[in-house]
């Protein structure tokens, strides 16, 4: 995948959220109106793995994991093209819930 600024969408069941992330040299950084995300990813061929720490920056903000304010999300998935990916993830803080994550390139770096 290209280094760049990506739109990120999250889905858990019928809950939905979105934000932006920058992917650069294996590092992930971004956020939305209530949370920021910092972590790392690894791309081997078409397979992506990684993890991000998600932290609340605005009190009362909600996310797709209802009630969580600070947690680590582990993810894996497939590169759809050089500019998109489909991932699935989970957190130990919400066992049994899978989050579906879509990445779409907005601007290459």
PDB file of N, CA and C in Angstrom:
ATOM      1  N   UNK A   1       0.832  -1.187   0.000  1.00  0.00           N
ATOM      2  CA  UNK A   1       0.000   0.000   0.000  1.00  0.00           C
ATOM      3  C   UNK A   1       0.873   1.245   0.000  1.00  0.00           C
ATOM      4  N   UNK A   2       0.347   2.266  -0.604  1.00  0.00           N
ATOM      5  CA  UNK A   2       1.058   3.542  -0.646  1.00  0.00           C
ATOM      6  C   UNK A   2       1.050   4.227   0.717  1.00  0.00           C
ATOM      7  N   UNK A   3       2.131   4.934   1.011  1.00  0.00           N
ATOM      8  CA  UNK A   3       2.092   5.852   2.143  1.00  0.00           C
ATOM      9  C   UNK A   3       1.137   6.976   1.781  1.00  0.00           C
ATOM     10  N   UNK A   4       0.307   7.387   2.734  1.00  0.00           N
ATOM     11  CA  UNK A   4      -0.620   8.465   2.429  1.00  0.00           C
ATOM     12  C   UNK A   4      -1.623   8.712   3.528  1.00  0.00           C
ATOM     13  N   UNK A   5      -2.545   9.614   3.230  1.00  0.00           N
ATOM     14  CA  UNK A   5      -3.661   9.939   4.108  1.00  0.00           C
ATOM     15  C   UNK A   5      -4.860   9.120   3.643  1.00  0.00           C
ATOM     16  N   UNK A   6      -5.448   8.351   4.570  1.00  0.00           N
ATOM     17  CA  UNK A   6      -6.539   7.436   4.242  1.00  0.00           C
ATOM     18  C   UNK A   6      -7.799   7.762   5.031  1.00  0.00           C
ATOM     19  N   UNK A   7      -8.933   7.614   4.382  1.00  0.00           N
ATOM     20  CA  UNK A   7     -10.214   7.591   5.088  1.00  0.00           C
ATOM     21  C   UNK A   7     -10.328   6.207   5.704  1.00  0.00           C
ATOM     22  N   UNK A   8     -10.721   6.136   6.964  1.00  0.00           N
ATOM     23  CA  UNK A   8     -10.896   4.849   7.635  1.00  0.00           C
ATOM     24  C   UNK A   8     -12.332   4.773   8.146  1.00  0.00           C
ATOM     25  N   UNK A   9     -12.996   3.661   7.865  1.00  0.00           N
ATOM     26  CA  UNK A   9     -14.343   3.430   8.390  1.00  0.00           C
ATOM     27  C   UNK A   9     -14.324   2.174   9.242  1.00  0.00           C
ATOM     28  N   UNK A  10     -15.090   2.207  10.322  1.00  0.00           N
ATOM     29  CA  UNK A  10     -15.170   1.109  11.285  1.00  0.00           C
ATOM     30  C   UNK A  10     -16.619   0.650  11.380  1.00  0.00           C
ATOM     31  N   UNK A  11     -16.834  -0.672  11.457  1.00  0.00           N
ATOM     32  CA  UNK A  11     -18.181  -1.205  11.664  1.00  0.00           C
ATOM     33  C   UNK A  11     -18.130  -2.354  12.661  1.00  0.00           C
ATOM     34  N   UNK A  12     -18.979  -2.275  13.678  1.00  0.00           N
ATOM     35  CA  UNK A  12     -19.212  -3.383  14.609  1.00  0.00           C
ATOM     36  C   UNK A  12     -20.723  -3.555  14.647  1.00  0.00           C
ATOM     37  N   UNK A  13     -21.213  -4.659  14.080  1.00  0.00           N
ATOM     38  CA  UNK A  13     -22.658  -4.837  13.980  1.00  0.00           C
ATOM     39  C   UNK A  13     -23.249  -3.709  13.159  1.00  0.00           C
ATOM     40  N   UNK A  14     -24.208  -2.980  13.735  1.00  0.00           N
ATOM     41  CA  UNK A  14     -24.814  -1.850  13.029  1.00  0.00           C
ATOM     42  C   UNK A  14     -24.173  -0.518  13.409  1.00  0.00           C
ATOM     43  N   UNK A  15     -23.194  -0.528  14.323  1.00  0.00           N
ATOM     44  CA  UNK A  15     -22.501   0.699  14.719  1.00  0.00           C
ATOM     45  C   UNK A  15     -21.435   1.047  13.684  1.00  0.00           C
ATOM     46  N   UNK A  16     -21.278   2.326  13.416  1.00  0.00           N
ATOM     47  CA  UNK A  16     -20.414   2.807  12.344  1.00  0.00           C
ATOM     48  C   UNK A  16     -19.645   4.038  12.817  1.00  0.00           C
ATOM     49  N   UNK A  17     -18.400   4.152  12.391  1.00  0.00           N
ATOM     50  CA  UNK A  17     -17.606   5.333  12.676  1.00  0.00           C
ATOM     51  C   UNK A  17     -16.602   5.565  11.565  1.00  0.00           C
ATOM     52  N   UNK A  18     -16.050   6.766  11.497  1.00  0.00           N
ATOM     53  CA  UNK A  18     -15.038   7.039  10.481  1.00  0.00           C
ATOM     54  C   UNK A  18     -14.060   8.094  10.984  1.00  0.00           C
ATOM     55  N   UNK A  19     -12.915   8.135  10.348  1.00  0.00           N
ATOM     56  CA  UNK A  19     -11.871   9.086  10.685  1.00  0.00           C
ATOM     57  C   UNK A  19     -10.851   9.113   9.568  1.00  0.00           C
ATOM     58  N   UNK A  20      -9.673   9.624   9.864  1.00  0.00           N
ATOM     59  CA  UNK A  20      -8.577   9.634   8.904  1.00  0.00           C
ATOM     60  C   UNK A  20      -7.318   9.116   9.589  1.00  0.00           C
ATOM     61  N   UNK A  21      -6.470   8.461   8.812  1.00  0.00           N
ATOM     62  CA  UNK A  21      -5.178   7.992   9.307  1.00  0.00           C
ATOM     63  C   UNK A  21      -4.112   8.269   8.262  1.00  0.00           C
ATOM     64  N   UNK A  22      -2.914   8.505   8.745  1.00  0.00           N
ATOM     65  CA  UNK A  22      -1.750   8.589   7.880  1.00  0.00           C
ATOM     66  C   UNK A  22      -0.979   7.289   8.033  1.00  0.00           C
ATOM     67  N   UNK A  23      -0.673   6.665   6.906  1.00  0.00           N
ATOM     68  CA  UNK A  23       0.190   5.486   6.878  1.00  0.00           C
ATOM     69  C   UNK A  23       1.516   5.937   6.285  1.00  0.00           C
ATOM     70  N   UNK A  24       2.591   5.756   7.038  1.00  0.00           N
ATOM     71  CA  UNK A  24       3.898   6.187   6.572  1.00  0.00           C
ATOM     72  C   UNK A  24       4.982   5.296   7.152  1.00  0.00           C
ATOM     73  N   UNK A  25       5.690   4.600   6.277  1.00  0.00           N
ATOM     74  CA  UNK A  25       6.817   3.752   6.663  1.00  0.00           C
ATOM     75  C   UNK A  25       6.455   2.804   7.796  1.00  0.00           C
ATOM     76  N   UNK A  26       5.272   2.188   7.704  1.00  0.00           N
ATOM     77  CA  UNK A  26       4.851   1.205   8.692  1.00  0.00           C
ATOM     78  C   UNK A  26       4.222   1.775   9.943  1.00  0.00           C
ATOM     79  N   UNK A  27       4.100   3.087  10.013  1.00  0.00           N
ATOM     80  CA  UNK A  27       3.480   3.722  11.182  1.00  0.00           C
ATOM     81  C   UNK A  27       2.074   4.202  10.824  1.00  0.00           C
ATOM     82  N   UNK A  28       1.188   4.178  11.827  1.00  0.00           N
ATOM     83  CA  UNK A  28      -0.195   4.619  11.676  1.00  0.00           C
ATOM     84  C   UNK A  28      -0.452   5.733  12.686  1.00  0.00           C
ATOM     85  N   UNK A  29      -1.033   6.840  12.239  1.00  0.00           N
ATOM     86  CA  UNK A  29      -1.424   7.923  13.146  1.00  0.00           C
ATOM     87  C   UNK A  29      -2.651   8.607  12.568  1.00  0.00           C
ATOM     88  N   UNK A  30      -3.623   8.893  13.434  1.00  0.00           N
ATOM     89  CA  UNK A  30      -4.820   9.557  12.945  1.00  0.00           C
ATOM     90  C   UNK A  30      -5.818   9.768  14.045  1.00  0.00           C
ATOM     91  N   UNK A  31      -7.068   9.965  13.642  1.00  0.00           N
ATOM     92  CA  UNK A  31      -8.102  10.167  14.630  1.00  0.00           C
ATOM     93  C   UNK A  31      -9.423  10.571  14.028  1.00  0.00           C
ATOM     94  N   UNK A  32     -10.335  10.949  14.935  1.00  0.00           N
ATOM     95  CA  UNK A  32     -11.659  11.425  14.568  1.00  0.00           C
ATOM     96  C   UNK A  32     -12.074  12.467  15.602  1.00  0.00           C
ATOM     97  N   UNK A  33     -13.354  12.787  15.670  1.00  0.00           N
ATOM     98  CA  UNK A  33     -13.824  13.829  16.566  1.00  0.00           C
ATOM     99  C   UNK A  33     -13.687  13.532  18.041  1.00  0.00           C
ATOM    100  N   UNK A  34     -13.478  12.268  18.409  1.00  0.00           N
ATOM    101  CA  UNK A  34     -13.401  11.921  19.819  1.00  0.00           C
ATOM    102  C   UNK A  34     -12.185  11.130  20.240  1.00  0.00           C
ATOM    103  N   UNK A  35     -11.465  10.547  19.270  1.00  0.00           N
ATOM    104  CA  UNK A  35     -10.367   9.629  19.585  1.00  0.00           C
ATOM    105  C   UNK A  35      -9.183   9.877  18.657  1.00  0.00           C
ATOM    106  N   UNK A  36      -7.972   9.537  19.146  1.00  0.00           N
ATOM    107  CA  UNK A  36      -6.813   9.501  18.259  1.00  0.00           C
ATOM    108  C   UNK A  36      -6.252   8.093  18.261  1.00  0.00           C
ATOM    109  N   UNK A  37      -5.561   7.748  17.156  1.00  0.00           N
ATOM    110  CA  UNK A  37      -5.029   6.399  16.959  1.00  0.00           C
ATOM    111  C   UNK A  37      -3.541   6.491  16.632  1.00  0.00           C
ATOM    112  N   UNK A  38      -2.738   5.636  17.274  1.00  0.00           N
ATOM    113  CA  UNK A  38      -1.306   5.569  17.009  1.00  0.00           C
ATOM    114  C   UNK A  38      -0.893   4.106  17.032  1.00  0.00           C
ATOM    115  N   UNK A  39      -0.154   3.669  16.012  1.00  0.00           N
ATOM    116  CA  UNK A  39       0.272   2.279  15.995  1.00  0.00           C
ATOM    117  C   UNK A  39       1.181   1.976  14.826  1.00  0.00           C
ATOM    118  N   UNK A  40       1.163   0.703  14.435  1.00  0.00           N
ATOM    119  CA  UNK A  40       2.043   0.233  13.372  1.00  0.00           C
ATOM    120  C   UNK A  40       1.342  -0.846  12.567  1.00  0.00           C
ATOM    121  N   UNK A  41       1.777  -0.981  11.311  1.00  0.00           N
ATOM    122  CA  UNK A  41       1.270  -2.059  10.469  1.00  0.00           C
ATOM    123  C   UNK A  41       2.407  -2.636   9.658  1.00  0.00           C
ATOM    124  N   UNK A  42       2.181  -3.842   9.177  1.00  0.00           N
ATOM    125  CA  UNK A  42       3.152  -4.540   8.359  1.00  0.00           C
ATOM    126  C   UNK A  42       2.419  -5.088   7.143  1.00  0.00           C
ATOM    127  N   UNK A  43       2.953  -4.834   5.954  1.00  0.00           N
ATOM    128  CA  UNK A  43       2.366  -5.349   4.722  1.00  0.00           C
ATOM    129  C   UNK A  43       3.356  -6.319   4.101  1.00  0.00           C
ATOM    130  N   UNK A  44       2.929  -7.558   3.915  1.00  0.00           N
ATOM    131  CA  UNK A  44       3.724  -8.586   3.240  1.00  0.00           C
ATOM    132  C   UNK A  44       2.909  -9.078   2.058  1.00  0.00           C
ATOM    133  N   UNK A  45       3.268  -8.631   0.865  1.00  0.00           N
ATOM    134  CA  UNK A  45       2.467  -8.968  -0.313  1.00  0.00           C
ATOM    135  C   UNK A  45       1.112  -8.285  -0.213  1.00  0.00           C
ATOM    136  N   UNK A  46       0.048  -9.097  -0.115  1.00  0.00           N
ATOM    137  CA  UNK A  46      -1.298  -8.529   0.011  1.00  0.00           C
ATOM    138  C   UNK A  46      -1.861  -8.673   1.416  1.00  0.00           C
ATOM    139  N   UNK A  47      -1.040  -9.152   2.366  1.00  0.00           N
ATOM    140  CA  UNK A  47      -1.507  -9.375   3.737  1.00  0.00           C
ATOM    141  C   UNK A  47      -1.041  -8.233   4.648  1.00  0.00           C
ATOM    142  N   UNK A  48      -1.982  -7.686   5.420  1.00  0.00           N
ATOM    143  CA  UNK A  48      -1.685  -6.611   6.368  1.00  0.00           C
ATOM    144  C   UNK A  48      -1.934  -7.114   7.780  1.00  0.00           C
ATOM    145  N   UNK A  49      -1.016  -6.819   8.692  1.00  0.00           N
ATOM    146  CA  UNK A  49      -1.218  -7.082  10.114  1.00  0.00           C
ATOM    147  C   UNK A  49      -0.765  -5.845  10.883  1.00  0.00           C
ATOM    148  N   UNK A  50      -1.295  -5.679  12.078  1.00  0.00           N
ATOM    149  CA  UNK A  50      -0.849  -4.557  12.888  1.00  0.00           C
ATOM    150  C   UNK A  50      -1.692  -4.335  14.118  1.00  0.00           C
ATOM    151  N   UNK A  51      -1.388  -3.242  14.794  1.00  0.00           N
ATOM    152  CA  UNK A  51      -2.148  -2.865  15.982  1.00  0.00           C
ATOM    153  C   UNK A  51      -2.084  -1.355  16.154  1.00  0.00           C
ATOM    154  N   UNK A  52      -3.147  -0.803  16.734  1.00  0.00           N
ATOM    155  CA  UNK A  52      -3.178   0.621  17.063  1.00  0.00           C
ATOM    156  C   UNK A  52      -3.717   0.792  18.471  1.00  0.00           C
ATOM    157  N   UNK A  53      -3.162   1.757  19.172  1.00  0.00           N
ATOM    158  CA  UNK A  53      -3.700   2.169  20.466  1.00  0.00           C
ATOM    159  C   UNK A  53      -4.680   3.296  20.197  1.00  0.00           C
ATOM    160  N   UNK A  54      -5.872   3.173  20.736  1.00  0.00           N
ATOM    161  CA  UNK A  54      -6.935   4.149  20.529  1.00  0.00           C
ATOM    162  C   UNK A  54      -7.217   4.813  21.863  1.00  0.00           C
ATOM    163  N   UNK A  55      -7.147   6.151  21.872  1.00  0.00           N
ATOM    164  CA  UNK A  55      -7.293   6.923  23.104  1.00  0.00           C
ATOM    165  C   UNK A  55      -8.322   8.026  22.907  1.00  0.00           C
ATOM    166  N   UNK A  56      -9.188   8.184  23.893  1.00  0.00           N
ATOM    167  CA  UNK A  56     -10.200   9.232  23.847  1.00  0.00           C
ATOM    168  C   UNK A  56      -9.558  10.592  24.130  1.00  0.00           C
ATOM    169  N   UNK A  57      -9.864  11.603  23.305  1.00  0.00           N
ATOM    170  CA  UNK A  57      -9.373  12.960  23.569  1.00  0.00           C
ATOM    171  C   UNK A  57     -10.507  13.927  23.900  1.00  0.00           C
ATOM    172  N   UNK A  58     -11.753  13.519  23.688  1.00  0.00           N
ATOM    173  CA  UNK A  58     -12.908  14.354  24.003  1.00  0.00           C
ATOM    174  C   UNK A  58     -13.840  13.571  24.913  1.00  0.00           C
ATOM    175  N   UNK A  59     -13.981  14.018  26.141  1.00  0.00           N
ATOM    176  CA  UNK A  59     -14.830  13.316  27.113  1.00  0.00           C
ATOM    177  C   UNK A  59     -16.238  13.135  26.559  1.00  0.00           C
ATOM    178  N   UNK A  60     -16.775  11.938  26.762  1.00  0.00           N
ATOM    179  CA  UNK A  60     -18.126  11.632  26.326  1.00  0.00           C
ATOM    180  C   UNK A  60     -18.233  11.128  24.902  1.00  0.00           C
ATOM    181  N   UNK A  61     -17.148  11.214  24.126  1.00  0.00           N
ATOM    182  CA  UNK A  61     -17.180  10.723  22.749  1.00  0.00           C
ATOM    183  C   UNK A  61     -17.364   9.209  22.754  1.00  0.00           C
ATOM    184  N   UNK A  62     -18.109   8.705  21.776  1.00  0.00           N
ATOM    185  CA  UNK A  62     -18.364   7.271  21.666  1.00  0.00           C
ATOM    186  C   UNK A  62     -17.660   6.706  20.446  1.00  0.00           C
ATOM    187  N   UNK A  63     -17.472   5.393  20.467  1.00  0.00           N
ATOM    188  CA  UNK A  63     -16.905   4.692  19.321  1.00  0.00           C
ATOM    189  C   UNK A  63     -17.695   3.412  19.104  1.00  0.00           C
ATOM    190  N   UNK A  64     -17.277   2.599  18.151  1.00  0.00           N
ATOM    191  CA  UNK A  64     -18.027   1.383  17.823  1.00  0.00           C
ATOM    192  C   UNK A  64     -17.951   0.323  18.911  1.00  0.00           C
ATOM    193  N   UNK A  65     -17.023   0.452  19.850  1.00  0.00           N
ATOM    194  CA  UNK A  65     -16.968  -0.415  21.024  1.00  0.00           C
ATOM    195  C   UNK A  65     -17.540   0.380  22.196  1.00  0.00           C
ATOM    196  N   UNK A  66     -18.832   0.349  22.352  1.00  0.00           N
ATOM    197  CA  UNK A  66     -19.539   1.178  23.337  1.00  0.00           C
ATOM    198  C   UNK A  66     -18.886   1.099  24.716  1.00  0.00           C
ATOM    199  N   UNK A  67     -18.612   2.271  25.283  1.00  0.00           N
ATOM    200  CA  UNK A  67     -18.085   2.350  26.637  1.00  0.00           C
ATOM    201  C   UNK A  67     -16.576   2.341  26.756  1.00  0.00           C
ATOM    202  N   UNK A  68     -15.850   1.969  25.702  1.00  0.00           N
ATOM    203  CA  UNK A  68     -14.388   1.937  25.787  1.00  0.00           C
ATOM    204  C   UNK A  68     -13.813   3.318  25.492  1.00  0.00           C
ATOM    205  N   UNK A  69     -12.829   3.717  26.285  1.00  0.00           N
ATOM    206  CA  UNK A  69     -12.197   5.019  26.075  1.00  0.00           C
ATOM    207  C   UNK A  69     -10.721   4.910  25.691  1.00  0.00           C
ATOM    208  N   UNK A  70     -10.054   3.860  26.114  1.00  0.00           N
ATOM    209  CA  UNK A  70      -8.645   3.627  25.796  1.00  0.00           C
ATOM    210  C   UNK A  70      -8.445   2.135  25.613  1.00  0.00           C
ATOM    211  N   UNK A  71      -7.985   1.733  24.419  1.00  0.00           N
ATOM    212  CA  UNK A  71      -7.827   0.304  24.158  1.00  0.00           C
ATOM    213  C   UNK A  71      -6.870   0.065  22.999  1.00  0.00           C
ATOM    214  N   UNK A  72      -6.404  -1.161  22.885  1.00  0.00           N
ATOM    215  CA  UNK A  72      -5.538  -1.579  21.781  1.00  0.00           C
ATOM    216  C   UNK A  72      -6.358  -2.433  20.820  1.00  0.00           C
ATOM    217  N   UNK A  73      -6.285  -2.073  19.547  1.00  0.00           N
ATOM    218  CA  UNK A  73      -6.975  -2.808  18.493  1.00  0.00           C
ATOM    219  C   UNK A  73      -5.935  -3.546  17.666  1.00  0.00           C
ATOM    220  N   UNK A  74      -6.088  -4.857  17.539  1.00  0.00           N
ATOM    221  CA  UNK A  74      -5.226  -5.681  16.700  1.00  0.00           C
ATOM    222  C   UNK A  74      -5.998  -6.010  15.433  1.00  0.00           C
ATOM    223  N   UNK A  75      -5.343  -5.936  14.271  1.00  0.00           N
ATOM    224  CA  UNK A  75      -6.063  -6.141  13.014  1.00  0.00           C
ATOM    225  C   UNK A  75      -5.232  -6.934  12.016  1.00  0.00           C
ATOM    226  N   UNK A  76      -5.931  -7.495  11.031  1.00  0.00           N
ATOM    227  CA  UNK A  76      -5.304  -8.167   9.900  1.00  0.00           C
ATOM    228  C   UNK A  76      -6.266  -8.105   8.728  1.00  0.00           C
ATOM    229  N   UNK A  77      -5.744  -8.306   7.538  1.00  0.00           N
ATOM    230  CA  UNK A  77      -6.618  -8.275   6.373  1.00  0.00           C
ATOM    231  C   UNK A  77      -5.847  -8.292   5.076  1.00  0.00           C
ATOM    232  N   UNK A  78      -6.514  -7.819   4.032  1.00  0.00           N
ATOM    233  CA  UNK A  78      -5.993  -7.894   2.677  1.00  0.00           C
ATOM    234  C   UNK A  78      -5.941  -6.516   2.028  1.00  0.00           C
ATOM    235  N   UNK A  79      -4.874  -6.298   1.265  1.00  0.00           N
ATOM    236  CA  UNK A  79      -4.792  -5.118   0.418  1.00  0.00           C
ATOM    237  C   UNK A  79      -5.741  -5.352  -0.747  1.00  0.00           C
ATOM    238  N   UNK A  80      -6.645  -4.402  -0.998  1.00  0.00           N
ATOM    239  CA  UNK A  80      -7.562  -4.519  -2.128  1.00  0.00           C
ATOM    240  C   UNK A  80      -6.920  -4.018  -3.408  1.00  0.00           C
ATOM    241  N   UNK A  81      -6.076  -3.027  -3.269  1.00  0.00           N
ATOM    242  CA  UNK A  81      -5.316  -2.428  -4.360  1.00  0.00           C
ATOM    243  C   UNK A  81      -4.188  -1.646  -3.700  1.00  0.00           C
ATOM    244  N   UNK A  82      -3.481  -0.867  -4.479  1.00  0.00           N
ATOM    245  CA  UNK A  82      -2.411  -0.050  -3.900  1.00  0.00           C
ATOM    246  C   UNK A  82      -2.980   1.097  -3.073  1.00  0.00           C
ATOM    247  N   UNK A  83      -4.319   1.304  -3.165  1.00  0.00           N
ATOM    248  CA  UNK A  83      -4.942   2.459  -2.518  1.00  0.00           C
ATOM    249  C   UNK A  83      -6.090   2.102  -1.580  1.00  0.00           C
ATOM    250  N   UNK A  84      -6.285   0.807  -1.290  1.00  0.00           N
ATOM    251  CA  UNK A  84      -7.387   0.423  -0.397  1.00  0.00           C
ATOM    252  C   UNK A  84      -7.079  -0.894   0.303  1.00  0.00           C
ATOM    253  N   UNK A  85      -7.793  -1.128   1.391  1.00  0.00           N
ATOM    254  CA  UNK A  85      -7.632  -2.383   2.133  1.00  0.00           C
ATOM    255  C   UNK A  85      -8.906  -2.666   2.915  1.00  0.00           C
ATOM    256  N   UNK A  86      -9.139  -3.957   3.171  1.00  0.00           N
ATOM    257  CA  UNK A  86     -10.259  -4.414   4.004  1.00  0.00           C
ATOM    258  C   UNK A  86      -9.650  -5.225   5.136  1.00  0.00           C
ATOM    259  N   UNK A  87      -9.927  -4.812   6.380  1.00  0.00           N
ATOM    260  CA  UNK A  87      -9.330  -5.435   7.552  1.00  0.00           C
ATOM    261  C   UNK A  87     -10.409  -5.884   8.520  1.00  0.00           C
ATOM    262  N   UNK A  88     -10.030  -6.793   9.402  1.00  0.00           N
ATOM    263  CA  UNK A  88     -10.877  -7.113  10.546  1.00  0.00           C
ATOM    264  C   UNK A  88     -10.014  -7.013  11.784  1.00  0.00           C
ATOM    265  N   UNK A  89     -10.640  -6.597  12.877  1.00  0.00           N
ATOM    266  CA  UNK A  89      -9.871  -6.403  14.091  1.00  0.00           C
ATOM    267  C   UNK A  89     -10.660  -6.744  15.327  1.00  0.00           C
ATOM    268  N   UNK A  90      -9.951  -6.730  16.447  1.00  0.00           N
ATOM    269  CA  UNK A  90     -10.568  -7.047  17.737  1.00  0.00           C
ATOM    270  C   UNK A  90      -9.735  -6.405  18.838  1.00  0.00           C
ATOM    271  N   UNK A  91     -10.362  -6.283  20.002  1.00  0.00           N
ATOM    272  CA  UNK A  91      -9.670  -5.796  21.185  1.00  0.00           C
ATOM    273  C   UNK A  91      -9.980  -6.721  22.349  1.00  0.00           C
ATOM    274  N   UNK A  92      -9.001  -6.960  23.191  1.00  0.00           N
ATOM    275  CA  UNK A  92      -9.222  -7.789  24.381  1.00  0.00           C
ATOM    276  C   UNK A  92     -10.225  -7.133  25.322  1.00  0.00           C
ATOM    277  N   UNK A  93     -10.436  -5.822  25.169  1.00  0.00           N
ATOM    278  CA  UNK A  93     -11.376  -5.093  26.021  1.00  0.00           C
ATOM    279  C   UNK A  93     -12.834  -5.333  25.644  1.00  0.00           C
ATOM    280  N   UNK A  94     -13.076  -5.945  24.482  1.00  0.00           N
ATOM    281  CA  UNK A  94     -14.447  -6.246  24.025  1.00  0.00           C
ATOM    282  C   UNK A  94     -14.431  -7.600  23.327  1.00  0.00           C
ATOM    283  N   UNK A  95     -14.139  -8.635  24.103  1.00  0.00           N
ATOM    284  CA  UNK A  95     -14.012  -9.989  23.560  1.00  0.00           C
ATOM    285  C   UNK A  95     -15.278 -10.395  22.809  1.00  0.00           C
ATOM    286  N   UNK A  96     -15.073 -11.087  21.698  1.00  0.00           N
ATOM    287  CA  UNK A  96     -16.186 -11.601  20.914  1.00  0.00           C
ATOM    288  C   UNK A  96     -16.748 -10.623  19.901  1.00  0.00           C
ATOM    289  N   UNK A  97     -16.257  -9.392  19.891  1.00  0.00           N
ATOM    290  CA  UNK A  97     -16.731  -8.405  18.916  1.00  0.00           C
ATOM    291  C   UNK A  97     -15.664  -8.192  17.850  1.00  0.00           C
ATOM    292  N   UNK A  98     -16.071  -8.288  16.597  1.00  0.00           N
ATOM    293  CA  UNK A  98     -15.177  -8.044  15.475  1.00  0.00           C
ATOM    294  C   UNK A  98     -15.497  -6.691  14.876  1.00  0.00           C
ATOM    295  N   UNK A  99     -14.466  -5.912  14.600  1.00  0.00           N
ATOM    296  CA  UNK A  99     -14.640  -4.642  13.900  1.00  0.00           C
ATOM    297  C   UNK A  99     -14.136  -4.829  12.470  1.00  0.00           C
ATOM    298  N   UNK A 100     -14.933  -4.378  11.511  1.00  0.00           N
ATOM    299  CA  UNK A 100     -14.538  -4.387  10.103  1.00  0.00           C
ATOM    300  C   UNK A 100     -14.033  -2.997   9.768  1.00  0.00           C
ATOM    301  N   UNK A 101     -12.877  -2.947   9.112  1.00  0.00           N
ATOM    302  CA  UNK A 101     -12.194  -1.682   8.846  1.00  0.00           C
ATOM    303  C   UNK A 101     -11.917  -1.580   7.349  1.00  0.00           C
ATOM    304  N   UNK A 102     -12.306  -0.457   6.754  1.00  0.00           N
ATOM    305  CA  UNK A 102     -11.993  -0.190   5.351  1.00  0.00           C
ATOM    306  C   UNK A 102     -11.095   1.031   5.270  1.00  0.00           C
ATOM    307  N   UNK A 103     -10.058   0.934   4.456  1.00  0.00           N
ATOM    308  CA  UNK A 103      -9.140   2.041   4.208  1.00  0.00           C
ATOM    309  C   UNK A 103      -9.245   2.451   2.747  1.00  0.00           C
ATOM    310  N   UNK A 104      -9.321   3.752   2.509  1.00  0.00           N
ATOM    311  CA  UNK A 104      -9.395   4.286   1.150  1.00  0.00           C
ATOM    312  C   UNK A 104      -8.466   5.494   1.047  1.00  0.00           C
ATOM    313  N   UNK A 105      -7.511   5.436   0.119  1.00  0.00           N
ATOM    314  CA  UNK A 105      -6.529   6.513  -0.030  1.00  0.00           C
ATOM    315  C   UNK A 105      -7.205   7.820  -0.427  1.00  0.00           C
ATOM    316  N   UNK A 106      -6.907   8.880   0.318  1.00  0.00           N
ATOM    317  CA  UNK A 106      -7.376  10.226  -0.014  1.00  0.00           C
ATOM    318  C   UNK A 106      -6.287  11.030  -0.715  1.00  0.00           C
ATOM    319  N   UNK A 107      -5.036  10.882  -0.211  1.00  0.00           N
ATOM    320  CA  UNK A 107      -3.921  11.640  -0.775  1.00  0.00           C
ATOM    321  C   UNK A 107      -2.613  10.903  -0.513  1.00  0.00           C
ATOM    322  N   UNK A 108      -1.859  10.640  -1.562  1.00  0.00           N
ATOM    323  CA  UNK A 108      -0.545  10.019  -1.400  1.00  0.00           C
ATOM    324  C   UNK A 108       0.414  11.024  -0.766  1.00  0.00           C
ATOM    325  N   UNK A 109       1.399  10.502  -0.016  1.00  0.00           N
ATOM    326  CA  UNK A 109       2.424  11.371   0.584  1.00  0.00           C
ATOM    327  C   UNK A 109       3.632  11.447  -0.333  1.00  0.00           C
TER     328      UNK A 109
END
